Amino acid sequence: MIRIGPSGNSEAFYASGRKHTWQEGEFLHGLGLNAFEYSFGRGVSISDETAAKIKSEFEKYDVAISAHAPYYTNFANPDPEMIDKSIGYVLQSIDACKKMGGERVVVHPAACGKATRMDAVQKTKDNLKLLSDRLGEKDGFKVCLETMGKLNQIGTVEEVVDFCTIDIRFFPCFDFGHINSYMRGGIKTKADYKRIIDYTIDKLGFEKASLMHVHFSKIQYGDKGEIRHLTFEDTKYGPEYGPLAEVFDEYKMTPYIVCESNGTMSDDALAMKKMHKNA
């Protein structure tokens, strides 16, 4: 099953009179959506009571939930104490996500800082191996390593796919808005999407590629990459979702797809679902 839904509570959610994330289950089910991403972007903080309420309501309406680890994880940091903190953020996010009934956490890999890209990528790989060692008994949980949209960040398609060979629990999170921003408008056609998907299948195998995590939104970009998230009304920056939906349908893949539009994520997620034949 392809799961599609928003990241966070949209303007339409609040306009409906709802206020609490646990109400997203009913809200999204009513729209015909079946996924949601909870952000711990600024820190992992949620009570057991709230997590249990979300789990109960989301299971009632068959809405899956994923979580985003704090944005400031950086596995290329040269300071071992900071690496230990990044690992801790991921482990905390996993534990909180499990309490909400989820099995996927999205992680930002790294930034170059003052290092060369080659050295930063190698440092990231070495430290992701430390994360792998610390995952312990978290079998079945997916750590989704995200492609990044700024040129000084680590997380190209090739880098993320390579990182995902480290552990069977590491899956790619392809943020196609980020990829397009990094390439300064490089995703324009179905063939552009197919090159990315074919490369991933070749390196990771169809089963793992099929279960990839996806972030999608149109994003404004400049010379240094990503600037800001837009809505589907944008006609200048892209990328467009329709050709990617065609690739997923043709390949019979079952990704977990999260819309990150600016405020209109539930509306745009529904538009994305309608572009699929069987979603």
C-alpha atoms as a PDB file:
ATOM      1  CA  MET A   1       0.000   0.000   0.000  1.00  0.00           C
ATOM      2  CA  ILE A   2       1.209   3.494  -0.836  1.00  0.00           C
ATOM      3  CA  ARG A   3       0.680   5.718   2.171  1.00  0.00           C
ATOM      4  CA  ILE A   4       0.301   9.462   1.618  1.00  0.00           C
ATOM      5  CA  GLY A   5      -0.253  12.281   4.073  1.00  0.00           C
ATOM      6  CA  PRO A   6       1.004  15.591   5.458  1.00  0.00           C
ATOM      7  CA  SER A   7       3.887  16.635   7.646  1.00  0.00           C
ATOM      8  CA  GLY A   8       2.357  18.414  10.603  1.00  0.00           C
ATOM      9  CA  ASN A   9      -0.997  20.086  11.086  1.00  0.00           C
ATOM     10  CA  SER A  10      -2.122  22.015   8.020  1.00  0.00           C
ATOM     11  CA  GLU A  11      -4.094  25.237   7.749  1.00  0.00           C
ATOM     12  CA  ALA A  12      -7.124  23.169   6.709  1.00  0.00           C
ATOM     13  CA  PHE A  13      -6.786  21.064   9.872  1.00  0.00           C
ATOM     14  CA  TYR A  14      -7.004  24.125  12.108  1.00  0.00           C
ATOM     15  CA  ALA A  15      -9.718  25.685   9.940  1.00  0.00           C
ATOM     16  CA  SER A  16     -11.812  22.574  10.641  1.00  0.00           C
ATOM     17  CA  GLY A  17     -11.858  23.525  14.338  1.00  0.00           C
ATOM     18  CA  ARG A  18      -9.416  20.840  15.446  1.00  0.00           C
ATOM     19  CA  LYS A  19      -6.463  21.720  17.646  1.00  0.00           C
ATOM     20  CA  HIS A  20      -4.634  18.574  18.737  1.00  0.00           C
ATOM     21  CA  THR A  21      -2.482  16.195  16.703  1.00  0.00           C
ATOM     22  CA  TRP A  22      -4.378  13.166  17.960  1.00  0.00           C
ATOM     23  CA  GLN A  23      -7.365  14.535  15.998  1.00  0.00           C
ATOM     24  CA  GLU A  24      -5.388  14.108  12.764  1.00  0.00           C
ATOM     25  CA  GLY A  25      -6.429  10.460  12.563  1.00  0.00           C
ATOM     26  CA  GLU A  26     -10.091  11.294  12.045  1.00  0.00           C
ATOM     27  CA  PHE A  27      -9.290  14.361   9.927  1.00  0.00           C
ATOM     28  CA  LEU A  28      -7.013  12.549   7.475  1.00  0.00           C
ATOM     29  CA  HIS A  29      -9.259   9.493   7.265  1.00  0.00           C
ATOM     30  CA  GLY A  30     -12.100  11.781   6.254  1.00  0.00           C
ATOM     31  CA  LEU A  31      -9.982  13.143   3.418  1.00  0.00           C
ATOM     32  CA  GLY A  32      -8.912   9.695   2.267  1.00  0.00           C
ATOM     33  CA  LEU A  33      -5.304  10.114   3.440  1.00  0.00           C
ATOM     34  CA  ASN A  34      -3.489   7.505   5.493  1.00  0.00           C
ATOM     35  CA  ALA A  35      -0.130   8.843   6.692  1.00  0.00           C
ATOM     36  CA  PHE A  36       1.217  11.611   8.904  1.00  0.00           C
ATOM     37  CA  GLU A  37       4.636  12.830   9.984  1.00  0.00           C
ATOM     38  CA  TYR A  38       5.229  14.213  13.461  1.00  0.00           C
ATOM     39  CA  SER A  39       8.154  16.600  13.810  1.00  0.00           C
ATOM     40  CA  PHE A  40      10.603  16.563  16.692  1.00  0.00           C
ATOM     41  CA  GLY A  41      12.584  19.129  14.704  1.00  0.00           C
ATOM     42  CA  ARG A  42      13.424  21.321  17.680  1.00  0.00           C
ATOM     43  CA  GLY A  43      13.731  18.537  20.244  1.00  0.00           C
ATOM     44  CA  VAL A  44      12.079  15.305  21.350  1.00  0.00           C
ATOM     45  CA  SER A  45       9.324  16.226  23.780  1.00  0.00           C
ATOM     46  CA  ILE A  46       6.011  14.403  24.064  1.00  0.00           C
ATOM     47  CA  SER A  47       4.248  12.960  27.085  1.00  0.00           C
ATOM     48  CA  ASP A  48       3.439   9.259  27.288  1.00  0.00           C
ATOM     49  CA  GLU A  49      -0.232  10.205  27.627  1.00  0.00           C
ATOM     50  CA  THR A  50      -0.221  12.246  24.415  1.00  0.00           C
ATOM     51  CA  ALA A  51       1.730   9.576  22.526  1.00  0.00           C
ATOM     52  CA  ALA A  52      -0.737   6.899  23.641  1.00  0.00           C
ATOM     53  CA  LYS A  53      -3.705   9.073  22.578  1.00  0.00           C
ATOM     54  CA  ILE A  54      -2.159   9.590  19.132  1.00  0.00           C
ATOM     55  CA  LYS A  55      -1.462   5.865  18.804  1.00  0.00           C
ATOM     56  CA  SER A  56      -5.022   4.924  19.728  1.00  0.00           C
ATOM     57  CA  GLU A  57      -6.690   7.433  17.395  1.00  0.00           C
ATOM     58  CA  PHE A  58      -4.397   6.803  14.447  1.00  0.00           C
ATOM     59  CA  GLU A  59      -4.832   3.030  14.695  1.00  0.00           C
ATOM     60  CA  LYS A  60      -8.612   3.512  14.859  1.00  0.00           C
ATOM     61  CA  TYR A  61      -8.546   5.309  11.502  1.00  0.00           C
ATOM     62  CA  ASP A  62      -5.704   3.313   9.892  1.00  0.00           C
ATOM     63  CA  VAL A  63      -3.396   6.316   9.605  1.00  0.00           C
ATOM     64  CA  ALA A  64       0.298   5.486   9.836  1.00  0.00           C
ATOM     65  CA  ILE A  65       2.670   7.818  11.662  1.00  0.00           C
ATOM     66  CA  SER A  66       6.341   8.594  11.199  1.00  0.00           C
ATOM     67  CA  ALA A  67       8.550  11.088  13.014  1.00  0.00           C
ATOM     68  CA  HIS A  68      11.302  13.505  12.084  1.00  0.00           C
ATOM     69  CA  ALA A  69      14.309  13.555  14.400  1.00  0.00           C
ATOM     70  CA  PRO A  70      15.707  16.941  15.512  1.00  0.00           C
ATOM     71  CA  TYR A  71      16.963  18.943  12.556  1.00  0.00           C
ATOM     72  CA  TYR A  72      20.386  19.538  14.099  1.00  0.00           C
ATOM     73  CA  THR A  73      21.740  15.990  13.872  1.00  0.00           C
ATOM     74  CA  ASN A  74      25.143  16.124  12.195  1.00  0.00           C
ATOM     75  CA  PHE A  75      27.061  12.886  11.754  1.00  0.00           C
ATOM     76  CA  ALA A  76      30.041  14.705  10.210  1.00  0.00           C
ATOM     77  CA  ASN A  77      30.759  16.695  13.360  1.00  0.00           C
ATOM     78  CA  PRO A  78      34.422  16.218  14.387  1.00  0.00           C
ATOM     79  CA  ASP A  79      33.541  16.317  18.107  1.00  0.00           C
ATOM     80  CA  PRO A  80      32.793  12.802  19.520  1.00  0.00           C
ATOM     81  CA  GLU A  81      30.524  14.323  22.184  1.00  0.00           C
ATOM     82  CA  MET A  82      28.391  15.946  19.497  1.00  0.00           C
ATOM     83  CA  ILE A  83      28.168  12.647  17.611  1.00  0.00           C
ATOM     84  CA  ASP A  84      26.964  11.004  20.807  1.00  0.00           C
ATOM     85  CA  LYS A  85      24.297  13.709  21.058  1.00  0.00           C
ATOM     86  CA  SER A  86      23.189  13.125  17.455  1.00  0.00           C
ATOM     87  CA  ILE A  87      22.907   9.397  18.135  1.00  0.00           C
ATOM     88  CA  GLY A  88      20.918  10.197  21.257  1.00  0.00           C
ATOM     89  CA  TYR A  89      18.503  12.416  19.323  1.00  0.00           C
ATOM     90  CA  VAL A  90      17.818   9.596  16.878  1.00  0.00           C
ATOM     91  CA  LEU A  91      17.324   6.992  19.628  1.00  0.00           C
ATOM     92  CA  GLN A  92      15.002   9.342  21.539  1.00  0.00           C
ATOM     93  CA  SER A  93      13.000   9.970  18.365  1.00  0.00           C
ATOM     94  CA  ILE A  94      12.679   6.244  17.728  1.00  0.00           C
ATOM     95  CA  ASP A  95      11.440   5.569  21.260  1.00  0.00           C
ATOM     96  CA  ALA A  96       8.895   8.410  21.041  1.00  0.00           C
ATOM     97  CA  CYS A  97       7.747   7.329  17.583  1.00  0.00           C
ATOM     98  CA  LYS A  98       7.233   3.756  18.770  1.00  0.00           C
ATOM     99  CA  LYS A  99       5.021   5.044  21.581  1.00  0.00           C
ATOM    100  CA  MET A 100       2.873   6.751  18.923  1.00  0.00           C
ATOM    101  CA  GLY A 101       2.660   3.495  16.962  1.00  0.00           C
ATOM    102  CA  GLY A 102       5.167   4.420  14.245  1.00  0.00           C
ATOM    103  CA  GLU A 103       8.091   2.566  12.762  1.00  0.00           C
ATOM    104  CA  ARG A 104       9.950   5.261  10.768  1.00  0.00           C
ATOM    105  CA  VAL A 105      12.165   8.164  11.825  1.00  0.00           C
ATOM    106  CA  VAL A 106      13.647  10.643   9.345  1.00  0.00           C
ATOM    107  CA  VAL A 107      17.188  11.860  10.029  1.00  0.00           C
ATOM    108  CA  HIS A 108      19.283  14.681   8.542  1.00  0.00           C
ATOM    109  CA  PRO A 109      22.710  13.131   7.810  1.00  0.00           C
ATOM    110  CA  ALA A 110      25.228  15.967   8.100  1.00  0.00           C
ATOM    111  CA  ALA A 111      26.752  19.249   6.983  1.00  0.00           C
ATOM    112  CA  CYS A 112      30.232  19.813   5.621  1.00  0.00           C
ATOM    113  CA  GLY A 113      31.248  22.528   8.054  1.00  0.00           C
ATOM    114  CA  LYS A 114      34.928  23.351   7.529  1.00  0.00           C
ATOM    115  CA  ALA A 115      35.773  19.884   6.149  1.00  0.00           C
ATOM    116  CA  THR A 116      36.044  18.957   2.495  1.00  0.00           C
ATOM    117  CA  ARG A 117      33.018  17.148   1.153  1.00  0.00           C
ATOM    118  CA  MET A 118      34.997  13.924   0.749  1.00  0.00           C
ATOM    119  CA  ASP A 119      36.164  14.002   4.363  1.00  0.00           C
ATOM    120  CA  ALA A 120      32.700  14.956   5.656  1.00  0.00           C
ATOM    121  CA  VAL A 121      31.054  12.090   3.752  1.00  0.00           C
ATOM    122  CA  GLN A 122      33.567   9.588   5.146  1.00  0.00           C
ATOM    123  CA  LYS A 123      33.099  10.937   8.669  1.00  0.00           C
ATOM    124  CA  THR A 124      29.326  10.642   8.240  1.00  0.00           C
ATOM    125  CA  LYS A 125      29.646   7.001   7.161  1.00  0.00           C
ATOM    126  CA  ASP A 126      31.894   6.177  10.102  1.00  0.00           C
ATOM    127  CA  ASN A 127      29.502   7.764  12.581  1.00  0.00           C
ATOM    128  CA  LEU A 128      26.397   6.222  11.032  1.00  0.00           C
ATOM    129  CA  LYS A 129      28.081   2.890  11.715  1.00  0.00           C
ATOM    130  CA  LEU A 130      28.210   3.924  15.372  1.00  0.00           C
ATOM    131  CA  LEU A 131      24.484   4.696  15.191  1.00  0.00           C
ATOM    132  CA  SER A 132      23.931   1.268  13.664  1.00  0.00           C
ATOM    133  CA  ASP A 133      25.746  -0.339  16.591  1.00  0.00           C
ATOM    134  CA  ARG A 134      23.582   1.602  19.060  1.00  0.00           C
ATOM    135  CA  LEU A 135      20.256   0.613  17.480  1.00  0.00           C
ATOM    136  CA  GLY A 136      20.423  -2.634  19.418  1.00  0.00           C
ATOM    137  CA  GLU A 137      17.119  -4.443  19.499  1.00  0.00           C
ATOM    138  CA  LYS A 138      15.275  -1.971  17.297  1.00  0.00           C
ATOM    139  CA  ASP A 139      14.791  -4.507  14.505  1.00  0.00           C
ATOM    140  CA  GLY A 140      11.926  -3.697  12.178  1.00  0.00           C
ATOM    141  CA  PHE A 141      12.321   0.046  12.744  1.00  0.00           C
ATOM    142  CA  LYS A 142      13.368   2.162   9.773  1.00  0.00           C
ATOM    143  CA  VAL A 143      15.888   4.988  10.052  1.00  0.00           C
ATOM    144  CA  CYS A 144      15.255   7.115   6.963  1.00  0.00           C
ATOM    145  CA  LEU A 145      18.270   9.168   5.902  1.00  0.00           C
ATOM    146  CA  GLU A 146      17.180  12.299   4.069  1.00  0.00           C
ATOM    147  CA  THR A 147      18.501  13.922   0.917  1.00  0.00           C
ATOM    148  CA  MET A 148      19.332  17.560   1.614  1.00  0.00           C
ATOM    149  CA  GLY A 149      18.714  20.722  -0.387  1.00  0.00           C
ATOM    150  CA  LYS A 150      21.658  23.007   0.357  1.00  0.00           C
ATOM    151  CA  LEU A 151      25.049  22.661  -1.291  1.00  0.00           C
ATOM    152  CA  ASN A 152      26.971  22.658   2.005  1.00  0.00           C
ATOM    153  CA  GLN A 153      24.898  19.773   3.389  1.00  0.00           C
ATOM    154  CA  ILE A 154      25.680  16.072   3.074  1.00  0.00           C
ATOM    155  CA  GLY A 155      22.847  14.136   1.458  1.00  0.00           C
ATOM    156  CA  THR A 156      22.863  13.777  -2.309  1.00  0.00           C
ATOM    157  CA  VAL A 157      20.968  10.829  -3.778  1.00  0.00           C
ATOM    158  CA  GLU A 158      24.228   8.908  -4.221  1.00  0.00           C
ATOM    159  CA  GLU A 159      25.440   9.685  -0.703  1.00  0.00           C
ATOM    160  CA  VAL A 160      22.158   8.687   0.936  1.00  0.00           C
ATOM    161  CA  VAL A 161      21.924   5.450  -1.046  1.00  0.00           C
ATOM    162  CA  ASP A 162      25.488   4.603  -0.033  1.00  0.00           C
ATOM    163  CA  PHE A 163      24.706   5.311   3.634  1.00  0.00           C
ATOM    164  CA  CYS A 164      21.740   2.952   3.389  1.00  0.00           C
ATOM    165  CA  THR A 165      24.067   0.026   2.627  1.00  0.00           C
ATOM    166  CA  ILE A 166      25.462   0.276   6.177  1.00  0.00           C
ATOM    167  CA  ASP A 167      22.462  -1.301   7.928  1.00  0.00           C
ATOM    168  CA  ILE A 168      19.334  -3.161   6.835  1.00  0.00           C
ATOM    169  CA  ARG A 169      17.370  -0.655   8.965  1.00  0.00           C
ATOM    170  CA  PHE A 170      18.673   2.361   7.030  1.00  0.00           C
ATOM    171  CA  PHE A 171      16.283   3.439   4.259  1.00  0.00           C
ATOM    172  CA  PRO A 172      16.456   6.409   1.881  1.00  0.00           C
ATOM    173  CA  CYS A 173      14.257   9.412   2.496  1.00  0.00           C
ATOM    174  CA  PHE A 174      14.168  11.100  -0.896  1.00  0.00           C
ATOM    175  CA  ASP A 175      13.065  14.683  -0.507  1.00  0.00           C
ATOM    176  CA  PHE A 176      12.479  15.458  -4.160  1.00  0.00           C
ATOM    177  CA  GLY A 177      12.101  19.168  -3.472  1.00  0.00           C
ATOM    178  CA  HIS A 178      15.541  19.069  -1.853  1.00  0.00           C
ATOM    179  CA  ILE A 179      16.997  17.057  -4.722  1.00  0.00           C
ATOM    180  CA  ASN A 180      15.569  19.509  -7.238  1.00  0.00           C
ATOM    181  CA  SER A 181      16.922  22.450  -5.223  1.00  0.00           C
ATOM    182  CA  TYR A 182      20.391  20.913  -4.919  1.00  0.00           C
ATOM    183  CA  MET A 183      20.389  20.411  -8.692  1.00  0.00           C
ATOM    184  CA  ARG A 184      18.951  23.922  -9.194  1.00  0.00           C
ATOM    185  CA  GLY A 185      15.959  22.658 -11.131  1.00  0.00           C
ATOM    186  CA  GLY A 186      17.320  19.323 -12.335  1.00  0.00           C
ATOM    187  CA  ILE A 187      14.064  17.372 -12.016  1.00  0.00           C
ATOM    188  CA  LYS A 188      11.813  18.175 -14.946  1.00  0.00           C
ATOM    189  CA  THR A 189      10.660  14.919 -16.558  1.00  0.00           C
ATOM    190  CA  LYS A 190       9.584  11.381 -15.797  1.00  0.00           C
ATOM    191  CA  ALA A 191      12.990  10.240 -17.026  1.00  0.00           C
ATOM    192  CA  ASP A 192      14.672  12.362 -14.337  1.00  0.00           C
ATOM    193  CA  TYR A 193      12.692  10.548 -11.650  1.00  0.00           C
ATOM    194  CA  LYS A 194      13.334   7.165 -13.253  1.00  0.00           C
ATOM    195  CA  ARG A 195      17.089   7.712 -13.160  1.00  0.00           C
ATOM    196  CA  ILE A 196      16.913   8.224  -9.396  1.00  0.00           C
ATOM    197  CA  ILE A 197      14.607   5.265  -8.786  1.00  0.00           C
ATOM    198  CA  ASP A 198      16.537   2.935 -11.110  1.00  0.00           C
ATOM    199  CA  TYR A 199      19.819   3.861  -9.432  1.00  0.00           C
ATOM    200  CA  THR A 200      18.321   3.136  -6.004  1.00  0.00           C
ATOM    201  CA  ILE A 201      16.919  -0.228  -7.072  1.00  0.00           C
ATOM    202  CA  ASP A 202      20.271  -1.164  -8.592  1.00  0.00           C
ATOM    203  CA  LYS A 203      22.192  -0.324  -5.402  1.00  0.00           C
ATOM    204  CA  LEU A 204      19.717  -1.342  -2.683  1.00  0.00           C
ATOM    205  CA  GLY A 205      17.445  -3.896  -4.342  1.00  0.00           C
ATOM    206  CA  PHE A 206      13.786  -3.526  -5.244  1.00  0.00           C
ATOM    207  CA  GLU A 207      12.347  -4.466  -1.835  1.00  0.00           C
ATOM    208  CA  LYS A 208      14.254  -1.812   0.095  1.00  0.00           C
ATOM    209  CA  ALA A 209      13.805   0.795  -2.628  1.00  0.00           C
ATOM    210  CA  SER A 210      10.069   0.102  -2.765  1.00  0.00           C
ATOM    211  CA  LEU A 211       9.708   0.908   0.937  1.00  0.00           C
ATOM    212  CA  MET A 212      11.541   4.217   0.671  1.00  0.00           C
ATOM    213  CA  HIS A 213      10.383   7.292   2.562  1.00  0.00           C
ATOM    214  CA  VAL A 214       9.480  10.302   0.428  1.00  0.00           C
ATOM    215  CA  HIS A 215       9.198  13.987   1.232  1.00  0.00           C
ATOM    216  CA  PHE A 216       7.618  16.100  -1.459  1.00  0.00           C
ATOM    217  CA  SER A 217       6.985  19.800  -1.921  1.00  0.00           C
ATOM    218  CA  LYS A 218       7.829  22.535  -4.337  1.00  0.00           C
ATOM    219  CA  ILE A 219      10.808  24.509  -3.064  1.00  0.00           C
ATOM    220  CA  GLN A 220      12.292  27.854  -4.024  1.00  0.00           C
ATOM    221  CA  TYR A 221      16.032  27.579  -4.620  1.00  0.00           C
ATOM    222  CA  GLY A 222      18.992  29.805  -5.446  1.00  0.00           C
ATOM    223  CA  ASP A 223      22.693  29.477  -6.172  1.00  0.00           C
ATOM    224  CA  LYS A 224      23.297  27.719  -2.828  1.00  0.00           C
ATOM    225  CA  GLY A 225      20.276  25.431  -3.101  1.00  0.00           C
ATOM    226  CA  GLU A 226      17.100  25.367  -1.011  1.00  0.00           C
ATOM    227  CA  ILE A 227      15.557  28.637   0.168  1.00  0.00           C
ATOM    228  CA  ARG A 228      11.974  27.917   1.278  1.00  0.00           C
ATOM    229  CA  HIS A 229       9.037  25.550   0.882  1.00  0.00           C
ATOM    230  CA  LEU A 230       6.186  26.575  -1.402  1.00  0.00           C
ATOM    231  CA  THR A 231       2.701  25.236  -2.235  1.00  0.00           C
ATOM    232  CA  PHE A 232       1.447  23.378  -5.300  1.00  0.00           C
ATOM    233  CA  GLU A 233       0.194  26.702  -6.675  1.00  0.00           C
ATOM    234  CA  ASP A 234       3.796  27.624  -7.544  1.00  0.00           C
ATOM    235  CA  THR A 235       4.514  27.391 -11.267  1.00  0.00           C
ATOM    236  CA  LYS A 236       8.152  28.512 -11.267  1.00  0.00           C
ATOM    237  CA  TYR A 237      10.281  26.190  -9.150  1.00  0.00           C
ATOM    238  CA  GLY A 238       8.762  22.710  -9.053  1.00  0.00           C
ATOM    239  CA  PRO A 239       9.223  19.825  -9.096  1.00  0.00           C
ATOM    240  CA  GLU A 240       5.948  18.348 -10.332  1.00  0.00           C
ATOM    241  CA  TYR A 241       4.565  15.229  -8.634  1.00  0.00           C
ATOM    242  CA  GLY A 242       2.621  13.648 -11.500  1.00  0.00           C
ATOM    243  CA  PRO A 243       5.607  12.049 -13.291  1.00  0.00           C
ATOM    244  CA  LEU A 244       6.875  10.560 -10.006  1.00  0.00           C
ATOM    245  CA  ALA A 245       3.436   9.071  -9.304  1.00  0.00           C
ATOM    246  CA  GLU A 246       3.586   7.422 -12.725  1.00  0.00           C
ATOM    247  CA  VAL A 247       6.973   5.860 -11.934  1.00  0.00           C
ATOM    248  CA  PHE A 248       5.822   4.521  -8.572  1.00  0.00           C
ATOM    249  CA  ASP A 249       2.682   3.066 -10.168  1.00  0.00           C
ATOM    250  CA  GLU A 250       4.527   1.481 -13.091  1.00  0.00           C
ATOM    251  CA  TYR A 251       7.135  -0.080 -10.810  1.00  0.00           C
ATOM    252  CA  LYS A 252       4.443  -1.185  -8.316  1.00  0.00           C
ATOM    253  CA  MET A 253       6.362   0.409  -5.447  1.00  0.00           C
ATOM    254  CA  THR A 254       4.878   1.075  -2.012  1.00  0.00           C
ATOM    255  CA  PRO A 255       6.651   4.120  -0.561  1.00  0.00           C
ATOM    256  CA  TYR A 256       5.598   6.176   2.456  1.00  0.00           C
ATOM    257  CA  ILE A 257       4.964   9.671   1.067  1.00  0.00           C
ATOM    258  CA  VAL A 258       4.856  12.862   3.122  1.00  0.00           C
ATOM    259  CA  CYS A 259       3.810  16.236   1.725  1.00  0.00           C
ATOM    260  CA  GLU A 260       5.743  19.188   3.136  1.00  0.00           C
ATOM    261  CA  SER A 261       4.034  22.073   1.362  1.00  0.00           C
ATOM    262  CA  ASN A 262       3.943  25.387   3.204  1.00  0.00           C
ATOM    263  CA  GLY A 263       0.661  25.285   5.115  1.00  0.00           C
ATOM    264  CA  THR A 264      -1.322  23.407   2.440  1.00  0.00           C
ATOM    265  CA  MET A 265       0.203  19.994   3.086  1.00  0.00           C
ATOM    266  CA  SER A 266      -3.068  18.100   3.573  1.00  0.00           C
ATOM    267  CA  ASP A 267      -4.644  19.686   0.461  1.00  0.00           C
ATOM    268  CA  ASP A 268      -1.547  19.002  -1.635  1.00  0.00           C
ATOM    269  CA  ALA A 269      -1.196  15.469  -0.232  1.00  0.00           C
ATOM    270  CA  LEU A 270      -4.735  14.774  -1.433  1.00  0.00           C
ATOM    271  CA  ALA A 271      -3.854  16.162  -4.857  1.00  0.00           C
ATOM    272  CA  MET A 272      -0.837  13.817  -4.900  1.00  0.00           C
ATOM    273  CA  LYS A 273      -2.995  10.816  -4.019  1.00  0.00           C
ATOM    274  CA  LYS A 274      -5.328  11.572  -6.921  1.00  0.00           C
ATOM    275  CA  MET A 275      -2.372  11.346  -9.318  1.00  0.00           C
ATOM    276  CA  HIS A 276      -1.938   7.649  -8.470  1.00  0.00           C
ATOM    277  CA  LYS A 277      -3.972   4.887 -10.055  1.00  0.00           C
ATOM    278  CA  ASN A 278      -4.381   2.737  -6.944  1.00  0.00           C
ATOM    279  CA  ALA A 279      -3.407   4.848  -3.910  1.00  0.00           C
END
